[in-house]
Amino acid sequence: MSAIESVWRQARTLALTPAQVASPLGATPYALRHAAVTLWLNGRVPAPEVADRAGHSVKVLLDIYAGCLDGES
């Protein structure tokens, strides 16, 4: 295990409940990127702005995250 992985595991243990630690929530630092994009979209940040922040085209963004939108099918 790398030093980063070790510190990340320790941080999750300190910041999350035991149930959350057992879940995939924030399992890797990269997972935070997905969480941020999902929060922005569900917070109604315009898709072009979210795509720009994430480094995606709007098409790729919506292809990947369309199922994450609250109230959308």
N, C-alpha and C. Protein backbone atom coordinates (compact mmCIF):
# COMPACT_ATOMS: atom_id res chain seq x y z
N MET A 1 0.84 -1.17 0.00
CA MET A 1 0.00 0.00 0.00
C MET A 1 0.90 1.24 0.00
N SER A 2 0.54 2.21 -0.81
CA SER A 2 1.32 3.45 -0.88
C SER A 2 1.02 4.34 0.32
N ALA A 3 1.86 5.32 0.52
CA ALA A 3 1.65 6.27 1.62
C ALA A 3 0.33 7.03 1.43
N ILE A 4 0.03 7.38 0.19
CA ILE A 4 -1.22 8.10 -0.08
C ILE A 4 -2.42 7.24 0.28
N GLU A 5 -2.39 5.97 -0.12
CA GLU A 5 -3.50 5.07 0.20
C GLU A 5 -3.65 4.92 1.71
N SER A 6 -2.56 4.81 2.42
CA SER A 6 -2.59 4.66 3.87
C SER A 6 -3.21 5.90 4.53
N VAL A 7 -2.77 7.06 4.12
CA VAL A 7 -3.31 8.31 4.68
C VAL A 7 -4.78 8.45 4.32
N TRP A 8 -5.14 8.11 3.09
CA TRP A 8 -6.54 8.21 2.66
C TRP A 8 -7.43 7.31 3.51
N ARG A 9 -7.00 6.08 3.77
CA ARG A 9 -7.78 5.16 4.61
C ARG A 9 -7.94 5.71 6.02
N GLN A 10 -6.87 6.27 6.56
CA GLN A 10 -6.94 6.86 7.90
C GLN A 10 -7.91 8.05 7.92
N ALA A 11 -7.85 8.88 6.91
CA ALA A 11 -8.72 10.06 6.84
C ALA A 11 -10.18 9.63 6.74
N ARG A 12 -10.47 8.62 5.93
CA ARG A 12 -11.85 8.12 5.82
C ARG A 12 -12.35 7.62 7.16
N THR A 13 -11.50 6.90 7.89
CA THR A 13 -11.88 6.36 9.19
C THR A 13 -12.20 7.48 10.17
N LEU A 14 -11.45 8.56 10.10
CA LEU A 14 -11.68 9.69 11.00
C LEU A 14 -12.89 10.52 10.60
N ALA A 15 -13.15 10.63 9.31
CA ALA A 15 -14.19 11.55 8.82
C ALA A 15 -15.56 10.91 8.64
N LEU A 16 -15.61 9.59 8.46
CA LEU A 16 -16.86 8.93 8.13
C LEU A 16 -17.33 8.02 9.26
N THR A 17 -18.61 7.69 9.23
CA THR A 17 -19.15 6.73 10.18
C THR A 17 -18.64 5.34 9.79
N PRO A 18 -18.69 4.37 10.71
CA PRO A 18 -18.27 3.01 10.36
C PRO A 18 -19.03 2.45 9.15
N ALA A 19 -20.32 2.73 9.06
CA ALA A 19 -21.10 2.24 7.91
C ALA A 19 -20.61 2.87 6.61
N GLN A 20 -20.27 4.15 6.65
CA GLN A 20 -19.76 4.82 5.46
C GLN A 20 -18.39 4.28 5.08
N VAL A 21 -17.54 4.01 6.07
CA VAL A 21 -16.22 3.46 5.79
C VAL A 21 -16.35 2.09 5.12
N ALA A 22 -17.35 1.31 5.51
CA ALA A 22 -17.57 -0.01 4.92
C ALA A 22 -18.15 0.08 3.51
N SER A 23 -18.69 1.24 3.14
CA SER A 23 -19.28 1.44 1.82
C SER A 23 -18.21 1.91 0.84
N PRO A 24 -18.55 2.02 -0.45
CA PRO A 24 -17.59 2.53 -1.42
C PRO A 24 -17.45 4.06 -1.41
N LEU A 25 -18.19 4.75 -0.52
CA LEU A 25 -18.15 6.21 -0.45
C LEU A 25 -16.72 6.70 -0.27
N GLY A 26 -16.24 7.45 -1.23
CA GLY A 26 -14.89 8.01 -1.14
C GLY A 26 -13.80 6.96 -1.01
N ALA A 27 -14.02 5.80 -1.63
CA ALA A 27 -13.05 4.70 -1.52
C ALA A 27 -11.67 5.11 -2.02
N THR A 28 -11.64 6.01 -2.98
CA THR A 28 -10.38 6.54 -3.50
C THR A 28 -10.51 8.05 -3.64
N PRO A 29 -9.39 8.77 -3.63
CA PRO A 29 -9.49 10.22 -3.84
C PRO A 29 -10.19 10.56 -5.16
N TYR A 30 -10.01 9.73 -6.18
CA TYR A 30 -10.63 9.99 -7.48
C TYR A 30 -12.16 9.96 -7.39
N ALA A 31 -12.68 9.18 -6.43
CA ALA A 31 -14.13 9.11 -6.26
C ALA A 31 -14.72 10.47 -5.91
N LEU A 32 -13.91 11.34 -5.30
CA LEU A 32 -14.40 12.68 -4.97
C LEU A 32 -14.72 13.49 -6.22
N ARG A 33 -14.01 13.22 -7.30
CA ARG A 33 -14.29 13.91 -8.56
C ARG A 33 -15.70 13.58 -9.04
N HIS A 34 -16.04 12.30 -8.99
CA HIS A 34 -17.39 11.88 -9.39
C HIS A 34 -18.45 12.48 -8.46
N ALA A 35 -18.15 12.52 -7.18
CA ALA A 35 -19.08 13.11 -6.22
C ALA A 35 -19.30 14.59 -6.52
N ALA A 36 -18.22 15.30 -6.82
CA ALA A 36 -18.33 16.73 -7.12
C ALA A 36 -19.17 16.97 -8.36
N VAL A 37 -18.92 16.22 -9.42
CA VAL A 37 -19.69 16.40 -10.66
C VAL A 37 -21.16 16.12 -10.41
N THR A 38 -21.46 15.05 -9.67
CA THR A 38 -22.84 14.71 -9.37
C THR A 38 -23.51 15.81 -8.55
N LEU A 39 -22.80 16.33 -7.55
CA LEU A 39 -23.36 17.41 -6.73
C LEU A 39 -23.60 18.66 -7.55
N TRP A 40 -22.67 19.01 -8.43
CA TRP A 40 -22.87 20.19 -9.27
C TRP A 40 -24.08 20.03 -10.16
N LEU A 41 -24.21 18.87 -10.80
CA LEU A 41 -25.35 18.66 -11.69
C LEU A 41 -26.67 18.69 -10.93
N ASN A 42 -26.71 18.03 -9.79
CA ASN A 42 -27.94 18.02 -9.00
C ASN A 42 -28.20 19.37 -8.33
N GLY A 43 -27.17 20.19 -8.22
CA GLY A 43 -27.32 21.54 -7.70
C GLY A 43 -27.72 22.52 -8.80
N ARG A 44 -27.99 21.98 -9.96
CA ARG A 44 -28.44 22.75 -11.13
C ARG A 44 -27.39 23.69 -11.69
N VAL A 45 -26.11 23.37 -11.49
CA VAL A 45 -25.06 24.11 -12.19
C VAL A 45 -25.22 23.73 -13.67
N PRO A 46 -25.20 24.69 -14.56
CA PRO A 46 -25.41 24.38 -15.98
C PRO A 46 -24.40 23.34 -16.50
N ALA A 47 -24.91 22.41 -17.30
CA ALA A 47 -24.08 21.32 -17.83
C ALA A 47 -22.81 21.83 -18.53
N PRO A 48 -22.87 22.89 -19.33
CA PRO A 48 -21.61 23.35 -19.96
C PRO A 48 -20.55 23.78 -18.94
N GLU A 49 -20.99 24.39 -17.84
CA GLU A 49 -20.03 24.79 -16.81
C GLU A 49 -19.45 23.57 -16.11
N VAL A 50 -20.30 22.59 -15.79
CA VAL A 50 -19.83 21.36 -15.14
C VAL A 50 -18.87 20.63 -16.07
N ALA A 51 -19.21 20.55 -17.34
CA ALA A 51 -18.34 19.88 -18.31
C ALA A 51 -16.98 20.56 -18.36
N ASP A 52 -16.99 21.88 -18.34
CA ASP A 52 -15.72 22.62 -18.36
C ASP A 52 -14.90 22.33 -17.10
N ARG A 53 -15.55 22.34 -15.95
CA ARG A 53 -14.85 22.05 -14.69
C ARG A 53 -14.26 20.64 -14.69
N ALA A 54 -15.02 19.69 -15.27
CA ALA A 54 -14.61 18.29 -15.25
C ALA A 54 -13.67 17.93 -16.40
N GLY A 55 -13.55 18.82 -17.37
CA GLY A 55 -12.69 18.53 -18.51
C GLY A 55 -13.33 17.61 -19.52
N HIS A 56 -14.66 17.65 -19.59
CA HIS A 56 -15.42 16.83 -20.53
C HIS A 56 -16.11 17.72 -21.55
N SER A 57 -16.57 17.10 -22.64
CA SER A 57 -17.55 17.78 -23.49
C SER A 57 -18.90 17.59 -22.80
N VAL A 58 -19.88 18.41 -23.16
CA VAL A 58 -21.22 18.26 -22.57
C VAL A 58 -21.78 16.88 -22.92
N LYS A 59 -21.55 16.41 -24.14
CA LYS A 59 -22.07 15.10 -24.54
C LYS A 59 -21.49 13.99 -23.66
N VAL A 60 -20.19 14.00 -23.48
CA VAL A 60 -19.56 12.97 -22.64
C VAL A 60 -20.06 13.09 -21.20
N LEU A 61 -20.15 14.31 -20.69
CA LEU A 61 -20.64 14.53 -19.33
C LEU A 61 -22.02 13.91 -19.15
N LEU A 62 -22.93 14.21 -20.06
CA LEU A 62 -24.30 13.72 -19.92
C LEU A 62 -24.38 12.22 -20.18
N ASP A 63 -23.54 11.69 -21.06
CA ASP A 63 -23.52 10.23 -21.28
C ASP A 63 -23.11 9.51 -20.00
N ILE A 64 -22.15 10.07 -19.29
CA ILE A 64 -21.62 9.42 -18.08
C ILE A 64 -22.53 9.65 -16.89
N TYR A 65 -23.05 10.87 -16.72
CA TYR A 65 -23.72 11.24 -15.48
C TYR A 65 -25.24 11.37 -15.59
N ALA A 66 -25.84 11.07 -16.72
CA ALA A 66 -27.29 11.25 -16.87
C ALA A 66 -28.07 10.47 -15.82
N GLY A 67 -27.62 9.29 -15.45
CA GLY A 67 -28.32 8.48 -14.47
C GLY A 67 -28.18 8.99 -13.04
N CYS A 68 -27.33 9.97 -12.84
CA CYS A 68 -27.09 10.52 -11.49
C CYS A 68 -27.97 11.71 -11.17
N LEU A 69 -28.71 12.19 -12.15
CA LEU A 69 -29.50 13.40 -11.95
C LEU A 69 -30.77 13.10 -11.18
N ASP A 70 -30.97 13.79 -10.07
CA ASP A 70 -32.19 13.62 -9.28
C ASP A 70 -33.40 14.03 -10.09
N GLY A 71 -34.44 13.22 -10.05
CA GLY A 71 -35.68 13.56 -10.73
C GLY A 71 -35.63 13.37 -12.23
N GLU A 72 -34.58 12.81 -12.75
CA GLU A 72 -34.46 12.56 -14.19
C GLU A 72 -34.52 11.06 -14.42
N SER A 73 -35.01 10.66 -15.58
CA SER A 73 -35.01 9.23 -15.88
C SER A 73 -34.03 8.90 -16.95
